C-alpha atoms as a PDB file:
ATOM      1  CA  MET A   1     108.633  91.820  91.453  1.00  0.00           C
ATOM      2  CA  HIS A   2     107.528  90.425  88.116  1.00  0.00           C
ATOM      3  CA  ARG A   3     103.910  90.457  87.061  1.00  0.00           C
ATOM      4  CA  GLU A   4     103.613  86.650  87.406  1.00  0.00           C
ATOM      5  CA  GLU A   5     104.988  86.769  90.952  1.00  0.00           C
ATOM      6  CA  GLN A   6     102.582  89.554  91.864  1.00  0.00           C
ATOM      7  CA  LEU A   7      99.645  87.573  90.495  1.00  0.00           C
ATOM      8  CA  GLU A   8     100.776  84.412  92.331  1.00  0.00           C
ATOM      9  CA  HIS A   9     101.033  86.349  95.598  1.00  0.00           C
ATOM     10  CA  TYR A  10      97.608  87.954  95.053  1.00  0.00           C
ATOM     11  CA  LEU A  11      96.015  84.583  94.286  1.00  0.00           C
ATOM     12  CA  GLN A  12      97.621  83.074  97.403  1.00  0.00           C
ATOM     13  CA  LYS A  13      96.214  85.871  99.543  1.00  0.00           C
ATOM     14  CA  THR A  14      92.766  85.688  97.915  1.00  0.00           C
ATOM     15  CA  VAL A  15      92.468  81.905  98.299  1.00  0.00           C
ATOM     16  CA  ALA A  16      93.729  81.999 101.908  1.00  0.00           C
ATOM     17  CA  GLU A  17      91.171  84.682 102.811  1.00  0.00           C
ATOM     18  CA  PHE A  18      88.418  82.647 101.147  1.00  0.00           C
ATOM     19  CA  PHE A  19      89.410  79.558 103.159  1.00  0.00           C
ATOM     20  CA  LEU A  20      89.420  81.572 106.372  1.00  0.00           C
ATOM     21  CA  LYS A  21      86.039  83.228 105.838  1.00  0.00           C
ATOM     22  CA  ASN A  22      84.020  80.594 103.992  1.00  0.00           C
ATOM     23  CA  ILE A  23      85.245  77.061 104.687  1.00  0.00           C
ATOM     24  CA  GLU A  24      84.950  75.222 107.980  1.00  0.00           C
ATOM     25  CA  PHE A  25      87.801  72.819 108.619  1.00  0.00           C
ATOM     26  CA  PRO A  26      88.018  70.377 111.559  1.00  0.00           C
ATOM     27  CA  LEU A  27      88.777  71.985 114.920  1.00  0.00           C
ATOM     28  CA  GLU A  28      92.435  72.360 115.907  1.00  0.00           C
ATOM     29  CA  THR A  29      93.500  72.098 112.275  1.00  0.00           C
ATOM     30  CA  LEU A  30      95.844  74.575 110.615  1.00  0.00           C
ATOM     31  CA  VAL A  31      95.287  74.902 106.867  1.00  0.00           C
ATOM     32  CA  THR A  32      97.789  77.083 105.027  1.00  0.00           C
ATOM     33  CA  VAL A  33      98.054  78.127 101.391  1.00  0.00           C
ATOM     34  CA  THR A  34     101.814  77.747 101.072  1.00  0.00           C
ATOM     35  CA  LYS A  35     102.152  79.007  97.487  1.00  0.00           C
ATOM     36  CA  VAL A  36     100.491  79.353  94.123  1.00  0.00           C
ATOM     37  CA  GLU A  37     102.257  78.430  90.891  1.00  0.00           C
ATOM     38  CA  LEU A  38     101.070  79.695  87.518  1.00  0.00           C
ATOM     39  CA  SER A  39     101.730  78.158  84.129  1.00  0.00           C
ATOM     40  CA  LYS A  40     103.757  80.273  81.722  1.00  0.00           C
ATOM     41  CA  ASP A  41     100.624  81.290  79.810  1.00  0.00           C
ATOM     42  CA  ARG A  42      98.793  82.017  83.124  1.00  0.00           C
ATOM     43  CA  ARG A  43      95.862  79.813  82.129  1.00  0.00           C
ATOM     44  CA  HIS A  44      96.419  77.302  84.957  1.00  0.00           C
ATOM     45  CA  GLY A  45      97.193  77.826  88.628  1.00  0.00           C
ATOM     46  CA  LEU A  46      98.288  75.220  91.156  1.00  0.00           C
ATOM     47  CA  ILE A  47      97.409  75.984  94.778  1.00  0.00           C
ATOM     48  CA  TRP A  48      99.729  74.295  97.288  1.00  0.00           C
ATOM     49  CA  VAL A  49      98.032  73.663 100.638  1.00  0.00           C
ATOM     50  CA  SER A  50      99.500  72.286 103.862  1.00  0.00           C
ATOM     51  CA  VAL A  51      97.527  70.831 106.754  1.00  0.00           C
ATOM     52  CA  LEU A  52      98.671  70.342 110.338  1.00  0.00           C
ATOM     53  CA  PRO A  53      98.269  67.955 112.027  1.00  0.00           C
ATOM     54  CA  ASP A  54      98.949  65.687 109.099  1.00  0.00           C
ATOM     55  CA  ALA A  55      96.235  63.208 110.146  1.00  0.00           C
ATOM     56  CA  PHE A  56      93.563  65.668 108.935  1.00  0.00           C
ATOM     57  CA  GLY A  57      95.188  66.049 105.497  1.00  0.00           C
ATOM     58  CA  PRO A  58      92.874  63.717 103.542  1.00  0.00           C
ATOM     59  CA  GLU A  59      89.735  65.130 105.171  1.00  0.00           C
ATOM     60  CA  CYS A  60      90.794  68.737 104.511  1.00  0.00           C
ATOM     61  CA  ALA A  61      91.800  67.884 100.933  1.00  0.00           C
ATOM     62  CA  LYS A  62      88.309  66.513 100.351  1.00  0.00           C
ATOM     63  CA  ILE A  63      86.743  69.683 101.807  1.00  0.00           C
ATOM     64  CA  ILE A  64      88.954  71.908  99.640  1.00  0.00           C
ATOM     65  CA  ARG A  65      88.243  69.951  96.457  1.00  0.00           C
ATOM     66  CA  HIS A  66      84.526  70.058  97.225  1.00  0.00           C
ATOM     67  CA  ASN A  67      84.721  73.885  97.502  1.00  0.00           C
ATOM     68  CA  LEU A  68      87.128  74.497  94.608  1.00  0.00           C
ATOM     69  CA  TYR A  69      84.282  75.691  92.376  1.00  0.00           C
ATOM     70  CA  PHE A  70      83.490  78.460  94.877  1.00  0.00           C
ATOM     71  CA  VAL A  71      87.174  79.346  95.270  1.00  0.00           C
ATOM     72  CA  GLN A  72      87.396  79.677  91.484  1.00  0.00           C
ATOM     73  CA  GLY A  73      84.336  81.928  91.505  1.00  0.00           C
ATOM     74  CA  GLU A  74      85.925  84.211  94.100  1.00  0.00           C
ATOM     75  CA  VAL A  75      89.099  84.419  92.026  1.00  0.00           C
ATOM     76  CA  ASN A  76      87.059  85.153  88.900  1.00  0.00           C
ATOM     77  CA  ARG A  77      85.396  88.088  90.698  1.00  0.00           C
ATOM     78  CA  LYS A  78      88.583  89.552  92.165  1.00  0.00           C
ATOM     79  CA  VAL A  79      91.258  89.071  89.487  1.00  0.00           C
ATOM     80  CA  GLN A  80      91.348  91.853  86.909  1.00  0.00           C
ATOM     81  CA  THR A  81      93.821  90.264  84.506  1.00  0.00           C
ATOM     82  CA  ARG A  82      92.988  88.001  81.572  1.00  0.00           C
ATOM     83  CA  PRO A  83      93.153  85.078  81.134  1.00  0.00           C
ATOM     84  CA  ILE A  84      91.976  84.111  84.608  1.00  0.00           C
ATOM     85  CA  PRO A  85      93.879  81.017  85.771  1.00  0.00           C
ATOM     86  CA  ARG A  86      91.950  77.764  86.123  1.00  0.00           C
ATOM     87  CA  LEU A  87      92.785  76.536  89.631  1.00  0.00           C
ATOM     88  CA  SER A  88      93.671  73.100  90.937  1.00  0.00           C
ATOM     89  CA  VAL A  89      94.894  71.997  94.371  1.00  0.00           C
ATOM     90  CA  LYS A  90      97.851  69.929  95.517  1.00  0.00           C
ATOM     91  CA  MET A  91      98.683  69.034  99.103  1.00  0.00           C
ATOM     92  CA  ASP A  92     102.094  70.283 100.279  1.00  0.00           C
ATOM     93  CA  ALA A  93     103.851  67.686 102.442  1.00  0.00           C
ATOM     94  CA  GLY A  94     106.722  70.029 103.380  1.00  0.00           C
ATOM     95  CA  PRO A  95     105.401  71.240 106.760  1.00  0.00           C
ATOM     96  CA  ALA A  96     104.362  67.723 107.780  1.00  0.00           C
ATOM     97  CA  TYR A  97     107.809  66.440 106.852  1.00  0.00           C
ATOM     98  CA  SER A  98     109.398  69.231 108.913  1.00  0.00           C
ATOM     99  CA  GLU A  99     107.218  68.261 111.871  1.00  0.00           C
ATOM    100  CA  HIS A 100     108.333  64.635 111.490  1.00  0.00           C
ATOM    101  CA  ILE A 101     112.017  65.645 111.431  1.00  0.00           C
ATOM    102  CA  GLU A 102     111.496  67.786 114.532  1.00  0.00           C
ATOM    103  CA  GLU A 103     109.968  64.809 116.368  1.00  0.00           C
ATOM    104  CA  LEU A 104     112.919  62.640 115.378  1.00  0.00           C
ATOM    105  CA  LEU A 105     115.367  65.249 116.647  1.00  0.00           C
ATOM    106  CA  LYS A 106     113.506  65.421 119.972  1.00  0.00           C
ATOM    107  CA  LYS A 107     113.799  61.627 120.309  1.00  0.00           C
ATOM    108  CA  ILE A 108     117.544  61.826 119.681  1.00  0.00           C
ATOM    109  CA  ASP A 109     117.927  64.466 122.405  1.00  0.00           C
ATOM    110  CA  GLU A 110     116.149  62.259 124.967  1.00  0.00           C
END
């Protein structure tokens, strides 16, 4: 595994653990850090997050953006490499799209 891939995986794990321990999302909502992408110079990191059910996506996105400062602080404390990536968040529509396709397939089977 390359150093960038290792750092991306570590950031994904760190952010997911922070979400689990420190952020309260609506009940019966599954929030997943699907991946983290770093820029080539490792100064910027994009956190991809999926939310199921999709109806809670905007609310969870607002909660995540509100807590991004604290997520960045956790990353700053835990990451040993320099420069430390500046994080931003993007919602991943992949799982919601998969759920939609699954529903369509169920309708076809009926």
